Amino acid sequence: MRKKKCKVCGAKLPLKKEKLKIIFENKHEGLETLTRGTGTKLYEAYDCEVCGCQNVVGVRYQLCAIEFDYGKEDLSGNLGAEGSE
């Protein structure tokens, strides 16, 4: 793993699991944040021990919870090409 340095002061960042912070950026405001799941990005960040600024070191991708059931019915309710007239 490469050594990471602070983007502001150049000090070495403490890349330890205990120091890792998960931060998020939300694109929505107000009640829209409760009803919409899209627009939120998660990042991994560390705080610099020298200057105190936050340094983003990676992006966290969210797991897609959609299940697909291939081979049953398609969206129109037909069983594929079989049995269609």
C-alpha atoms as a PDB file:
ATOM      1  CA  MET A   1       0.000   0.000   0.000  1.00  0.00           C
ATOM      2  CA  ARG A   2       1.284   3.429  -0.919  1.00  0.00           C
ATOM      3  CA  LYS A   3       1.970   5.958   1.797  1.00  0.00           C
ATOM      4  CA  LYS A   4      -0.558   8.784   1.830  1.00  0.00           C
ATOM      5  CA  LYS A   5       0.362  12.367   2.639  1.00  0.00           C
ATOM      6  CA  CYS A   6      -1.829  15.264   3.712  1.00  0.00           C
ATOM      7  CA  LYS A   7      -2.861  17.372   0.725  1.00  0.00           C
ATOM      8  CA  VAL A   8      -2.500  20.572   2.759  1.00  0.00           C
ATOM      9  CA  CYS A   9       0.638  20.281   4.908  1.00  0.00           C
ATOM     10  CA  GLY A  10       2.346  17.172   3.448  1.00  0.00           C
ATOM     11  CA  ALA A  11       2.488  15.238   6.744  1.00  0.00           C
ATOM     12  CA  LYS A  12       2.212  11.433   6.680  1.00  0.00           C
ATOM     13  CA  LEU A  13      -1.360  10.238   7.365  1.00  0.00           C
ATOM     14  CA  PRO A  14      -2.042   7.576  10.028  1.00  0.00           C
ATOM     15  CA  LEU A  15      -3.543   4.837   7.830  1.00  0.00           C
ATOM     16  CA  LYS A  16      -4.880   2.664  10.651  1.00  0.00           C
ATOM     17  CA  LYS A  17      -8.296   1.046  10.843  1.00  0.00           C
ATOM     18  CA  GLU A  18      -9.033   2.810  14.141  1.00  0.00           C
ATOM     19  CA  LYS A  19      -8.481   6.228  12.526  1.00  0.00           C
ATOM     20  CA  LEU A  20     -10.618   5.572   9.414  1.00  0.00           C
ATOM     21  CA  LYS A  21     -13.745   7.698   9.039  1.00  0.00           C
ATOM     22  CA  ILE A  22     -16.629   7.014   6.656  1.00  0.00           C
ATOM     23  CA  ILE A  23     -18.039  10.306   5.429  1.00  0.00           C
ATOM     24  CA  PHE A  24     -20.870  11.001   3.014  1.00  0.00           C
ATOM     25  CA  GLU A  25     -21.865  13.664   0.549  1.00  0.00           C
ATOM     26  CA  ASN A  26     -25.596  14.065   0.134  1.00  0.00           C
ATOM     27  CA  LYS A  27     -26.966  15.737  -2.991  1.00  0.00           C
ATOM     28  CA  HIS A  28     -30.501  16.213  -1.604  1.00  0.00           C
ATOM     29  CA  GLU A  29     -31.912  18.550   1.036  1.00  0.00           C
ATOM     30  CA  GLY A  30     -34.813  18.530   3.501  1.00  0.00           C
ATOM     31  CA  LEU A  31     -37.417  15.773   3.376  1.00  0.00           C
ATOM     32  CA  GLU A  32     -36.072  14.617   0.043  1.00  0.00           C
ATOM     33  CA  THR A  33     -33.133  13.014   1.901  1.00  0.00           C
ATOM     34  CA  LEU A  34     -35.555  10.698   3.715  1.00  0.00           C
ATOM     35  CA  THR A  35     -37.378   9.526   0.601  1.00  0.00           C
ATOM     36  CA  ARG A  36     -34.603   9.232  -1.984  1.00  0.00           C
ATOM     37  CA  GLY A  37     -31.721   6.823  -1.718  1.00  0.00           C
ATOM     38  CA  THR A  38     -29.809   8.104  -4.711  1.00  0.00           C
ATOM     39  CA  GLY A  39     -27.331  10.941  -4.688  1.00  0.00           C
ATOM     40  CA  THR A  40     -25.430   9.874  -1.574  1.00  0.00           C
ATOM     41  CA  LYS A  41     -21.752   9.070  -1.984  1.00  0.00           C
ATOM     42  CA  LEU A  42     -19.638   7.437   0.721  1.00  0.00           C
ATOM     43  CA  TYR A  43     -15.919   8.165   1.124  1.00  0.00           C
ATOM     44  CA  GLU A  44     -13.078   6.865   3.265  1.00  0.00           C
ATOM     45  CA  ALA A  45     -11.166   9.663   4.965  1.00  0.00           C
ATOM     46  CA  TYR A  46      -8.443  10.276   7.532  1.00  0.00           C
ATOM     47  CA  ASP A  47      -7.824  13.373   9.628  1.00  0.00           C
ATOM     48  CA  CYS A  48      -4.334  14.846   9.520  1.00  0.00           C
ATOM     49  CA  GLU A  49      -2.749  14.823  12.985  1.00  0.00           C
ATOM     50  CA  VAL A  50      -0.673  17.934  12.186  1.00  0.00           C
ATOM     51  CA  CYS A  51      -3.103  20.417  10.600  1.00  0.00           C
ATOM     52  CA  GLY A  52      -6.448  18.708  11.348  1.00  0.00           C
ATOM     53  CA  CYS A  53      -7.825  18.756   7.800  1.00  0.00           C
ATOM     54  CA  GLN A  54      -9.770  15.801   6.356  1.00  0.00           C
ATOM     55  CA  ASN A  55      -8.176  13.821   3.522  1.00  0.00           C
ATOM     56  CA  VAL A  56     -10.334  11.597   1.315  1.00  0.00           C
ATOM     57  CA  VAL A  57      -8.440   8.455   0.319  1.00  0.00           C
ATOM     58  CA  GLY A  58     -11.121   6.347  -1.366  1.00  0.00           C
ATOM     59  CA  VAL A  59     -14.729   5.885  -2.469  1.00  0.00           C
ATOM     60  CA  ARG A  60     -17.071   3.339  -0.878  1.00  0.00           C
ATOM     61  CA  TYR A  61     -19.515   1.680  -3.253  1.00  0.00           C
ATOM     62  CA  GLN A  62     -22.889   0.602  -1.934  1.00  0.00           C
ATOM     63  CA  LEU A  63     -24.242  -2.903  -2.444  1.00  0.00           C
ATOM     64  CA  CYS A  64     -27.153  -3.170  -4.833  1.00  0.00           C
ATOM     65  CA  ALA A  65     -29.988  -4.993  -3.060  1.00  0.00           C
ATOM     66  CA  ILE A  66     -32.065  -5.786  -6.164  1.00  0.00           C
ATOM     67  CA  GLU A  67     -32.693  -9.468  -6.775  1.00  0.00           C
ATOM     68  CA  PHE A  68     -33.224 -10.803 -10.271  1.00  0.00           C
ATOM     69  CA  ASP A  69     -35.139 -13.973 -11.044  1.00  0.00           C
ATOM     70  CA  TYR A  70     -34.291 -15.013 -14.596  1.00  0.00           C
ATOM     71  CA  GLY A  71     -36.293 -17.704 -16.287  1.00  0.00           C
ATOM     72  CA  LYS A  72     -39.682 -16.984 -14.742  1.00  0.00           C
ATOM     73  CA  GLU A  73     -41.951 -14.298 -16.149  1.00  0.00           C
ATOM     74  CA  ASP A  74     -40.896 -11.184 -17.980  1.00  0.00           C
ATOM     75  CA  LEU A  75     -42.387  -7.785 -17.121  1.00  0.00           C
ATOM     76  CA  SER A  76     -45.439  -8.273 -19.369  1.00  0.00           C
ATOM     77  CA  GLY A  77     -46.384 -11.538 -17.650  1.00  0.00           C
ATOM     78  CA  ASN A  78     -45.498 -13.761 -20.630  1.00  0.00           C
ATOM     79  CA  LEU A  79     -43.284 -16.799 -20.305  1.00  0.00           C
ATOM     80  CA  GLY A  80     -40.708 -15.757 -22.883  1.00  0.00           C
ATOM     81  CA  ALA A  81     -41.306 -16.736 -26.535  1.00  0.00           C
ATOM     82  CA  GLU A  82     -42.830 -20.091 -25.678  1.00  0.00           C
ATOM     83  CA  GLY A  83     -46.595 -20.316 -25.838  1.00  0.00           C
ATOM     84  CA  SER A  84     -47.065 -16.930 -27.526  1.00  0.00           C
ATOM     85  CA  GLU A  85     -49.301 -16.795 -30.559  1.00  0.00           C
END
